[in-house]
């Protein structure tokens, strides 16, 4: 009789296990269903960037290896203080002349800007080291670390028109670079000055726009009053390119981000002068 009962018992056990499995699966589904979805990262596509080899040609000088930071959390916008009437096809020569002046007369190690944008909206790789990486620039004394420098090719003092393609290109480039660290171009970040010759004493924590003008960190008229006046528009456009809501500006960063993450071989002021800041 016991043996004859086995098939029936097995069926009962199978039904019990099946019921438990369905119940367990339902519980698991319920738990998964109540989990909040992961936040969508606010990134932007990388714009086309002309490599430095296309403007540098055979004029490259011997220079030290590039230096790197761990990330980029802010952008500084500059103008090159050069003539505006160039033909865009001649932009590579103009950038090459800037490079020659900075590495020759000024004895910098390389062109100081990480990127250069011409009036037609073409983006050029500036400083060596790789456009995807957090290359330490030489563009904003005291705040070269964890930032990137974008230079508008030309002079944009008060009353000078800023070409629309240039505005769009600066916004697209900023949206991409800041998006790599999830930084809202409209927000503020807290950077630690590495050089007392900036607007802030060395070691001072400064709250600055994530997309700033050169004169926000240093006593200068760069990037010119006309271009500086367009920065709010550039911030909003960059935020839209990152897919952020137009009516939701993220507030200030609560975390101090050191602009000088590692020790230098010499004092910060000497080092910043050496590297063309």
C-alpha atoms as a PDB file:
ATOM      1  CA  UNK A   1       0.000   0.000   0.000  1.00  0.00           C
ATOM      2  CA  UNK A   2       2.851   2.397   0.858  1.00  0.00           C
ATOM      3  CA  UNK A   3       4.421   1.838  -2.530  1.00  0.00           C
ATOM      4  CA  UNK A   4       1.127   2.332  -4.280  1.00  0.00           C
ATOM      5  CA  UNK A   5       0.701   5.644  -2.469  1.00  0.00           C
ATOM      6  CA  UNK A   6       3.968   7.165  -3.791  1.00  0.00           C
ATOM      7  CA  UNK A   7       2.688   8.521  -7.099  1.00  0.00           C
ATOM      8  CA  UNK A   8      -0.174  10.291  -5.349  1.00  0.00           C
ATOM      9  CA  UNK A   9       2.139  11.691  -2.663  1.00  0.00           C
ATOM     10  CA  UNK A  10       4.576  12.872  -5.305  1.00  0.00           C
ATOM     11  CA  UNK A  11       1.789  14.702  -7.065  1.00  0.00           C
ATOM     12  CA  UNK A  12       0.771  16.427  -3.834  1.00  0.00           C
ATOM     13  CA  UNK A  13       4.371  17.448  -3.113  1.00  0.00           C
ATOM     14  CA  UNK A  14       4.763  18.754  -6.665  1.00  0.00           C
ATOM     15  CA  UNK A  15       1.607  20.829  -6.289  1.00  0.00           C
ATOM     16  CA  UNK A  16       2.870  22.279  -3.015  1.00  0.00           C
ATOM     17  CA  UNK A  17       6.271  23.137  -4.513  1.00  0.00           C
ATOM     18  CA  UNK A  18       4.648  24.648  -7.572  1.00  0.00           C
ATOM     19  CA  UNK A  19       2.372  26.791  -5.445  1.00  0.00           C
ATOM     20  CA  UNK A  20       5.354  27.947  -3.360  1.00  0.00           C
ATOM     21  CA  UNK A  21       7.294  28.778  -6.499  1.00  0.00           C
ATOM     22  CA  UNK A  22       4.469  30.849  -7.932  1.00  0.00           C
ATOM     23  CA  UNK A  23       3.996  32.665  -4.607  1.00  0.00           C
ATOM     24  CA  UNK A  24       7.768  33.262  -4.273  1.00  0.00           C
ATOM     25  CA  UNK A  25       7.970  34.538  -7.838  1.00  0.00           C
ATOM     26  CA  UNK A  26       5.066  36.900  -7.188  1.00  0.00           C
ATOM     27  CA  UNK A  27       6.787  38.260  -4.095  1.00  0.00           C
ATOM     28  CA  UNK A  28      10.014  38.762  -6.036  1.00  0.00           C
ATOM     29  CA  UNK A  29       8.147  40.505  -8.850  1.00  0.00           C
ATOM     30  CA  UNK A  30       6.428  42.765  -6.338  1.00  0.00           C
ATOM     31  CA  UNK A  31       9.747  43.696  -4.758  1.00  0.00           C
ATOM     32  CA  UNK A  32      11.303  44.433  -8.134  1.00  0.00           C
ATOM     33  CA  UNK A  33       8.260  46.409  -9.198  1.00  0.00           C
ATOM     34  CA  UNK A  34       8.484  48.702  -6.179  1.00  0.00           C
ATOM     35  CA  UNK A  35      12.202  49.429  -6.705  1.00  0.00           C
ATOM     36  CA  UNK A  36      12.785  52.963  -8.007  1.00  0.00           C
ATOM     37  CA  UNK A  37      14.267  53.007 -11.501  1.00  0.00           C
ATOM     38  CA  UNK A  38      17.840  54.178 -11.861  1.00  0.00           C
ATOM     39  CA  UNK A  39      18.205  57.878 -12.646  1.00  0.00           C
ATOM     40  CA  UNK A  40      18.866  58.695 -16.261  1.00  0.00           C
ATOM     41  CA  UNK A  41      22.421  60.031 -16.600  1.00  0.00           C
ATOM     42  CA  UNK A  42      22.592  63.553 -17.976  1.00  0.00           C
ATOM     43  CA  UNK A  43      25.127  63.162 -20.735  1.00  0.00           C
ATOM     44  CA  UNK A  44      25.525  64.697 -24.161  1.00  0.00           C
ATOM     45  CA  UNK A  45      27.034  63.365 -27.389  1.00  0.00           C
ATOM     46  CA  UNK A  46      30.624  64.192 -28.139  1.00  0.00           C
ATOM     47  CA  UNK A  47      30.871  66.859 -30.847  1.00  0.00           C
ATOM     48  CA  UNK A  48      33.276  66.459 -33.738  1.00  0.00           C
ATOM     49  CA  UNK A  49      36.747  67.560 -32.633  1.00  0.00           C
ATOM     50  CA  UNK A  50      39.538  68.268 -35.115  1.00  0.00           C
ATOM     51  CA  UNK A  51      42.731  66.604 -33.810  1.00  0.00           C
ATOM     52  CA  UNK A  52      45.695  68.816 -32.991  1.00  0.00           C
ATOM     53  CA  UNK A  53      47.788  67.111 -35.645  1.00  0.00           C
ATOM     54  CA  UNK A  54      45.700  68.904 -38.292  1.00  0.00           C
ATOM     55  CA  UNK A  55      46.639  72.382 -37.085  1.00  0.00           C
ATOM     56  CA  UNK A  56      50.027  71.677 -35.513  1.00  0.00           C
ATOM     57  CA  UNK A  57      51.688  70.006 -38.484  1.00  0.00           C
ATOM     58  CA  UNK A  58      55.470  69.821 -38.133  1.00  0.00           C
ATOM     59  CA  UNK A  59      55.750  72.817 -35.772  1.00  0.00           C
ATOM     60  CA  UNK A  60      55.441  70.738 -32.579  1.00  0.00           C
ATOM     61  CA  UNK A  61      58.095  71.469 -29.962  1.00  0.00           C
ATOM     62  CA  UNK A  62      59.608  69.024 -27.531  1.00  0.00           C
ATOM     63  CA  UNK A  63      57.528  69.120 -24.376  1.00  0.00           C
ATOM     64  CA  UNK A  64      56.927  67.258 -21.107  1.00  0.00           C
ATOM     65  CA  UNK A  65      54.391  64.469 -20.937  1.00  0.00           C
ATOM     66  CA  UNK A  66      50.785  65.628 -20.342  1.00  0.00           C
ATOM     67  CA  UNK A  67      49.510  65.885 -16.798  1.00  0.00           C
ATOM     68  CA  UNK A  68      46.105  64.575 -15.778  1.00  0.00           C
ATOM     69  CA  UNK A  69      43.474  65.049 -13.104  1.00  0.00           C
ATOM     70  CA  UNK A  70      40.934  62.468 -12.021  1.00  0.00           C
ATOM     71  CA  UNK A  71      37.919  64.267 -13.526  1.00  0.00           C
ATOM     72  CA  UNK A  72      36.599  67.504 -15.014  1.00  0.00           C
ATOM     73  CA  UNK A  73      33.914  69.311 -13.012  1.00  0.00           C
ATOM     74  CA  UNK A  74      34.080  72.818 -14.477  1.00  0.00           C
ATOM     75  CA  UNK A  75      34.670  74.629 -17.757  1.00  0.00           C
ATOM     76  CA  UNK A  76      36.375  78.004 -18.130  1.00  0.00           C
ATOM     77  CA  UNK A  77      35.571  79.976 -21.295  1.00  0.00           C
ATOM     78  CA  UNK A  78      38.216  82.269 -22.820  1.00  0.00           C
ATOM     79  CA  UNK A  79      38.798  84.330 -25.906  1.00  0.00           C
ATOM     80  CA  UNK A  80      42.156  84.283 -27.658  1.00  0.00           C
ATOM     81  CA  UNK A  81      42.348  88.090 -28.065  1.00  0.00           C
ATOM     82  CA  UNK A  82      43.237  87.643 -31.731  1.00  0.00           C
ATOM     83  CA  UNK A  83      41.622  89.181 -34.861  1.00  0.00           C
ATOM     84  CA  UNK A  84      38.041  88.210 -35.708  1.00  0.00           C
ATOM     85  CA  UNK A  85      38.176  88.597 -39.478  1.00  0.00           C
ATOM     86  CA  UNK A  86      39.842  85.278 -40.285  1.00  0.00           C
ATOM     87  CA  UNK A  87      38.480  82.870 -42.833  1.00  0.00           C
ATOM     88  CA  UNK A  88      37.456  79.675 -41.052  1.00  0.00           C
ATOM     89  CA  UNK A  89      39.625  77.663 -43.427  1.00  0.00           C
ATOM     90  CA  UNK A  90      42.554  79.643 -42.004  1.00  0.00           C
ATOM     91  CA  UNK A  91      41.724  78.830 -38.358  1.00  0.00           C
ATOM     92  CA  UNK A  92      44.376  76.092 -38.114  1.00  0.00           C
ATOM     93  CA  UNK A  93      47.087  78.626 -38.958  1.00  0.00           C
ATOM     94  CA  UNK A  94      45.754  81.083 -36.380  1.00  0.00           C
ATOM     95  CA  UNK A  95      45.786  78.379 -33.697  1.00  0.00           C
ATOM     96  CA  UNK A  96      49.282  77.372 -34.745  1.00  0.00           C
ATOM     97  CA  UNK A  97      50.407  80.983 -34.300  1.00  0.00           C
ATOM     98  CA  UNK A  98      48.904  80.991 -30.793  1.00  0.00           C
ATOM     99  CA  UNK A  99      50.781  77.790 -30.003  1.00  0.00           C
ATOM    100  CA  UNK A 100      54.050  79.248 -31.296  1.00  0.00           C
ATOM    101  CA  UNK A 101      53.615  82.390 -29.203  1.00  0.00           C
ATOM    102  CA  UNK A 102      52.745  80.541 -26.015  1.00  0.00           C
ATOM    103  CA  UNK A 103      55.478  77.916 -26.302  1.00  0.00           C
ATOM    104  CA  UNK A 104      58.052  80.368 -27.679  1.00  0.00           C
ATOM    105  CA  UNK A 105      57.782  83.874 -26.268  1.00  0.00           C
ATOM    106  CA  UNK A 106      56.037  82.787 -23.081  1.00  0.00           C
ATOM    107  CA  UNK A 107      57.978  79.519 -22.714  1.00  0.00           C
ATOM    108  CA  UNK A 108      54.894  77.452 -21.877  1.00  0.00           C
ATOM    109  CA  UNK A 109      55.042  73.685 -22.227  1.00  0.00           C
ATOM    110  CA  UNK A 110      52.117  73.580 -24.725  1.00  0.00           C
ATOM    111  CA  UNK A 111      49.147  75.648 -25.806  1.00  0.00           C
ATOM    112  CA  UNK A 112      47.261  76.452 -22.621  1.00  0.00           C
ATOM    113  CA  UNK A 113      43.683  75.800 -23.781  1.00  0.00           C
ATOM    114  CA  UNK A 114      42.253  72.297 -23.901  1.00  0.00           C
ATOM    115  CA  UNK A 115      40.025  73.244 -26.839  1.00  0.00           C
ATOM    116  CA  UNK A 116      39.660  76.078 -29.348  1.00  0.00           C
ATOM    117  CA  UNK A 117      36.395  76.934 -31.143  1.00  0.00           C
ATOM    118  CA  UNK A 118      36.363  79.077 -34.292  1.00  0.00           C
ATOM    119  CA  UNK A 119      33.636  81.441 -35.460  1.00  0.00           C
ATOM    120  CA  UNK A 120      32.142  78.783 -37.735  1.00  0.00           C
ATOM    121  CA  UNK A 121      31.643  76.428 -34.787  1.00  0.00           C
ATOM    122  CA  UNK A 122      34.505  74.044 -35.538  1.00  0.00           C
ATOM    123  CA  UNK A 123      36.041  72.542 -32.392  1.00  0.00           C
ATOM    124  CA  UNK A 124      39.795  71.931 -32.311  1.00  0.00           C
ATOM    125  CA  UNK A 125      41.775  69.845 -29.866  1.00  0.00           C
ATOM    126  CA  UNK A 126      44.200  72.150 -28.073  1.00  0.00           C
ATOM    127  CA  UNK A 127      46.454  70.884 -25.341  1.00  0.00           C
ATOM    128  CA  UNK A 128      47.920  67.410 -25.847  1.00  0.00           C
ATOM    129  CA  UNK A 129      46.824  64.421 -23.816  1.00  0.00           C
ATOM    130  CA  UNK A 130      43.555  63.178 -25.291  1.00  0.00           C
ATOM    131  CA  UNK A 131      40.190  64.916 -25.566  1.00  0.00           C
ATOM    132  CA  UNK A 132      38.403  62.189 -23.591  1.00  0.00           C
ATOM    133  CA  UNK A 133      40.727  62.551 -20.603  1.00  0.00           C
ATOM    134  CA  UNK A 134      40.940  65.124 -17.796  1.00  0.00           C
ATOM    135  CA  UNK A 135      44.055  66.853 -19.139  1.00  0.00           C
ATOM    136  CA  UNK A 136      45.468  69.490 -16.786  1.00  0.00           C
ATOM    137  CA  UNK A 137      45.411  72.735 -18.737  1.00  0.00           C
ATOM    138  CA  UNK A 138      47.232  76.056 -18.376  1.00  0.00           C
ATOM    139  CA  UNK A 139      44.361  78.455 -18.874  1.00  0.00           C
ATOM    140  CA  UNK A 140      43.059  79.799 -15.526  1.00  0.00           C
ATOM    141  CA  UNK A 141      45.638  80.561 -12.884  1.00  0.00           C
ATOM    142  CA  UNK A 142      44.675  78.864  -9.647  1.00  0.00           C
ATOM    143  CA  UNK A 143      42.000  76.680 -11.244  1.00  0.00           C
ATOM    144  CA  UNK A 144      43.703  74.528 -13.856  1.00  0.00           C
ATOM    145  CA  UNK A 145      42.998  71.290 -12.016  1.00  0.00           C
ATOM    146  CA  UNK A 146      39.754  69.386 -12.608  1.00  0.00           C
ATOM    147  CA  UNK A 147      38.696  71.988 -15.170  1.00  0.00           C
ATOM    148  CA  UNK A 148      38.890  72.310 -18.925  1.00  0.00           C
ATOM    149  CA  UNK A 149      39.628  75.482 -20.892  1.00  0.00           C
ATOM    150  CA  UNK A 150      37.646  76.351 -24.022  1.00  0.00           C
ATOM    151  CA  UNK A 151      38.939  79.312 -26.036  1.00  0.00           C
ATOM    152  CA  UNK A 152      36.827  81.228 -28.540  1.00  0.00           C
ATOM    153  CA  UNK A 153      39.054  82.155 -31.457  1.00  0.00           C
ATOM    154  CA  UNK A 154      38.824  85.947 -31.671  1.00  0.00           C
ATOM    155  CA  UNK A 155      38.257  89.016 -29.512  1.00  0.00           C
ATOM    156  CA  UNK A 156      34.867  89.505 -27.862  1.00  0.00           C
ATOM    157  CA  UNK A 157      35.028  92.749 -25.952  1.00  0.00           C
ATOM    158  CA  UNK A 158      31.905  94.863 -25.360  1.00  0.00           C
ATOM    159  CA  UNK A 159      29.905  95.475 -28.522  1.00  0.00           C
ATOM    160  CA  UNK A 160      31.497  92.680 -30.551  1.00  0.00           C
ATOM    161  CA  UNK A 161      29.061  90.130 -31.995  1.00  0.00           C
ATOM    162  CA  UNK A 162      29.542  86.528 -30.882  1.00  0.00           C
ATOM    163  CA  UNK A 163      28.794  84.197 -33.825  1.00  0.00           C
ATOM    164  CA  UNK A 164      25.870  81.869 -33.238  1.00  0.00           C
ATOM    165  CA  UNK A 165      27.755  78.759 -34.472  1.00  0.00           C
ATOM    166  CA  UNK A 166      30.485  79.513 -31.914  1.00  0.00           C
ATOM    167  CA  UNK A 167      27.928  79.759 -29.099  1.00  0.00           C
ATOM    168  CA  UNK A 168      26.359  76.439 -30.081  1.00  0.00           C
ATOM    169  CA  UNK A 169      29.754  74.728 -30.337  1.00  0.00           C
ATOM    170  CA  UNK A 170      30.905  75.957 -26.907  1.00  0.00           C
ATOM    171  CA  UNK A 171      27.622  74.739 -25.424  1.00  0.00           C
ATOM    172  CA  UNK A 172      27.887  71.328 -27.101  1.00  0.00           C
ATOM    173  CA  UNK A 173      31.494  70.857 -26.015  1.00  0.00           C
ATOM    174  CA  UNK A 174      30.719  71.938 -22.440  1.00  0.00           C
ATOM    175  CA  UNK A 175      27.663  69.674 -22.272  1.00  0.00           C
ATOM    176  CA  UNK A 176      29.749  66.687 -23.339  1.00  0.00           C
ATOM    177  CA  UNK A 177      32.736  67.308 -21.031  1.00  0.00           C
ATOM    178  CA  UNK A 178      30.628  68.134 -17.969  1.00  0.00           C
ATOM    179  CA  UNK A 179      28.269  65.274 -18.743  1.00  0.00           C
ATOM    180  CA  UNK A 180      31.130  62.815 -18.264  1.00  0.00           C
ATOM    181  CA  UNK A 181      30.930  63.614 -14.528  1.00  0.00           C
ATOM    182  CA  UNK A 182      27.189  64.302 -14.406  1.00  0.00           C
ATOM    183  CA  UNK A 183      27.734  68.020 -13.792  1.00  0.00           C
ATOM    184  CA  UNK A 184      24.884  70.411 -14.559  1.00  0.00           C
ATOM    185  CA  UNK A 185      26.277  73.335 -16.616  1.00  0.00           C
ATOM    186  CA  UNK A 186      23.915  75.677 -14.734  1.00  0.00           C
ATOM    187  CA  UNK A 187      25.106  74.649 -11.288  1.00  0.00           C
ATOM    188  CA  UNK A 188      27.949  75.913  -9.139  1.00  0.00           C
ATOM    189  CA  UNK A 189      30.924  73.907  -7.976  1.00  0.00           C
ATOM    190  CA  UNK A 190      33.344  74.484  -5.154  1.00  0.00           C
ATOM    191  CA  UNK A 191      36.976  74.546  -6.252  1.00  0.00           C
ATOM    192  CA  UNK A 192      40.072  75.062  -4.134  1.00  0.00           C
ATOM    193  CA  UNK A 193      42.483  77.674  -5.468  1.00  0.00           C
ATOM    194  CA  UNK A 194      46.042  76.471  -5.978  1.00  0.00           C
ATOM    195  CA  UNK A 195      47.496  79.932  -6.560  1.00  0.00           C
ATOM    196  CA  UNK A 196      47.279  83.191  -4.649  1.00  0.00           C
ATOM    197  CA  UNK A 197      47.622  85.170  -7.878  1.00  0.00           C
ATOM    198  CA  UNK A 198      44.061  84.173  -8.802  1.00  0.00           C
ATOM    199  CA  UNK A 199      41.007  85.935  -7.359  1.00  0.00           C
ATOM    200  CA  UNK A 200      41.299  83.634  -4.345  1.00  0.00           C
ATOM    201  CA  UNK A 201      44.162  83.008  -1.947  1.00  0.00           C
ATOM    202  CA  UNK A 202      45.862  79.639  -2.309  1.00  0.00           C
ATOM    203  CA  UNK A 203      43.917  77.024  -0.375  1.00  0.00           C
ATOM    204  CA  UNK A 204      40.687  79.047  -0.423  1.00  0.00           C
ATOM    205  CA  UNK A 205      37.510  77.240  -1.407  1.00  0.00           C
ATOM    206  CA  UNK A 206      35.703  79.237  -4.088  1.00  0.00           C
ATOM    207  CA  UNK A 207      32.161  78.677  -5.275  1.00  0.00           C
ATOM    208  CA  UNK A 208      32.206  79.200  -9.038  1.00  0.00           C
ATOM    209  CA  UNK A 209      29.890  78.481 -11.959  1.00  0.00           C
ATOM    210  CA  UNK A 210      30.404  75.041 -13.446  1.00  0.00           C
ATOM    211  CA  UNK A 211      30.536  76.857 -16.784  1.00  0.00           C
ATOM    212  CA  UNK A 212      32.516  79.981 -15.954  1.00  0.00           C
ATOM    213  CA  UNK A 213      34.328  82.805 -17.660  1.00  0.00           C
ATOM    214  CA  UNK A 214      38.071  83.208 -17.228  1.00  0.00           C
ATOM    215  CA  UNK A 215      37.445  86.378 -15.220  1.00  0.00           C
ATOM    216  CA  UNK A 216      35.379  84.448 -12.674  1.00  0.00           C
ATOM    217  CA  UNK A 217      38.584  82.893 -11.397  1.00  0.00           C
ATOM    218  CA  UNK A 218      41.277  85.386 -12.399  1.00  0.00           C
ATOM    219  CA  UNK A 219      41.638  89.170 -12.605  1.00  0.00           C
ATOM    220  CA  UNK A 220      41.287  89.629 -16.365  1.00  0.00           C
ATOM    221  CA  UNK A 221      38.875  90.983 -18.960  1.00  0.00           C
ATOM    222  CA  UNK A 222      38.891  87.571 -20.724  1.00  0.00           C
ATOM    223  CA  UNK A 223      36.650  86.193 -22.227  1.00  0.00           C
ATOM    224  CA  UNK A 224      35.510  89.708 -23.106  1.00  0.00           C
ATOM    225  CA  UNK A 225      32.328  91.415 -21.984  1.00  0.00           C
ATOM    226  CA  UNK A 226      30.364  90.327 -25.061  1.00  0.00           C
ATOM    227  CA  UNK A 227      31.149  86.631 -24.662  1.00  0.00           C
ATOM    228  CA  UNK A 228      30.766  86.707 -20.881  1.00  0.00           C
ATOM    229  CA  UNK A 229      27.280  88.143 -21.346  1.00  0.00           C
ATOM    230  CA  UNK A 230      26.357  85.078 -23.428  1.00  0.00           C
ATOM    231  CA  UNK A 231      27.393  82.560 -20.751  1.00  0.00           C
ATOM    232  CA  UNK A 232      23.884  82.262 -19.216  1.00  0.00           C
ATOM    233  CA  UNK A 233      22.545  81.353 -22.664  1.00  0.00           C
ATOM    234  CA  UNK A 234      25.389  78.875 -23.179  1.00  0.00           C
ATOM    235  CA  UNK A 235      24.678  77.248 -19.806  1.00  0.00           C
ATOM    236  CA  UNK A 236      21.001  76.795 -20.627  1.00  0.00           C
ATOM    237  CA  UNK A 237      21.765  75.375 -24.062  1.00  0.00           C
ATOM    238  CA  UNK A 238      24.347  72.973 -22.613  1.00  0.00           C
ATOM    239  CA  UNK A 239      21.838  71.792 -20.012  1.00  0.00           C
ATOM    240  CA  UNK A 240      19.255  71.096 -22.719  1.00  0.00           C
ATOM    241  CA  UNK A 241      21.835  69.148 -24.698  1.00  0.00           C
ATOM    242  CA  UNK A 242      22.336  67.015 -21.577  1.00  0.00           C
ATOM    243  CA  UNK A 243      18.613  66.308 -21.549  1.00  0.00           C
ATOM    244  CA  UNK A 244      17.896  68.297 -18.395  1.00  0.00           C
ATOM    245  CA  UNK A 245      14.475  69.909 -17.845  1.00  0.00           C
ATOM    246  CA  UNK A 246      14.467  73.551 -18.866  1.00  0.00           C
ATOM    247  CA  UNK A 247      12.628  74.609 -15.713  1.00  0.00           C
ATOM    248  CA  UNK A 248      14.713  72.639 -13.218  1.00  0.00           C
ATOM    249  CA  UNK A 249      18.070  74.129 -12.404  1.00  0.00           C
ATOM    250  CA  UNK A 250      20.072  71.998 -10.055  1.00  0.00           C
ATOM    251  CA  UNK A 251      21.486  73.908  -7.143  1.00  0.00           C
ATOM    252  CA  UNK A 252      24.975  74.344  -5.855  1.00  0.00           C
ATOM    253  CA  UNK A 253      27.260  71.397  -5.361  1.00  0.00           C
ATOM    254  CA  UNK A 254      27.512  70.562  -1.679  1.00  0.00           C
ATOM    255  CA  UNK A 255      30.903  68.918  -2.059  1.00  0.00           C
ATOM    256  CA  UNK A 256      34.139  70.833  -2.284  1.00  0.00           C
ATOM    257  CA  UNK A 257      36.127  69.767  -5.306  1.00  0.00           C
ATOM    258  CA  UNK A 258      39.802  70.458  -4.931  1.00  0.00           C
ATOM    259  CA  UNK A 259      41.313  72.145  -7.953  1.00  0.00           C
ATOM    260  CA  UNK A 260      44.719  70.959  -6.771  1.00  0.00           C
ATOM    261  CA  UNK A 261      44.330  67.210  -6.099  1.00  0.00           C
ATOM    262  CA  UNK A 262      47.995  66.265  -5.810  1.00  0.00           C
ATOM    263  CA  UNK A 263      51.311  67.705  -4.756  1.00  0.00           C
ATOM    264  CA  UNK A 264      53.354  69.678  -7.257  1.00  0.00           C
ATOM    265  CA  UNK A 265      57.125  69.500  -7.489  1.00  0.00           C
ATOM    266  CA  UNK A 266      57.389  73.163  -6.597  1.00  0.00           C
ATOM    267  CA  UNK A 267      55.228  75.694  -4.791  1.00  0.00           C
ATOM    268  CA  UNK A 268      51.771  76.214  -6.360  1.00  0.00           C
ATOM    269  CA  UNK A 269      52.532  79.770  -7.447  1.00  0.00           C
ATOM    270  CA  UNK A 270      55.816  78.851  -9.113  1.00  0.00           C
ATOM    271  CA  UNK A 271      54.305  75.781 -10.711  1.00  0.00           C
ATOM    272  CA  UNK A 272      51.331  77.671 -12.118  1.00  0.00           C
ATOM    273  CA  UNK A 273      53.592  80.285 -13.677  1.00  0.00           C
ATOM    274  CA  UNK A 274      55.791  77.564 -15.168  1.00  0.00           C
ATOM    275  CA  UNK A 275      52.798  75.907 -16.800  1.00  0.00           C
ATOM    276  CA  UNK A 276      51.416  79.089 -18.317  1.00  0.00           C
ATOM    277  CA  UNK A 277      48.454  79.617 -15.990  1.00  0.00           C
END
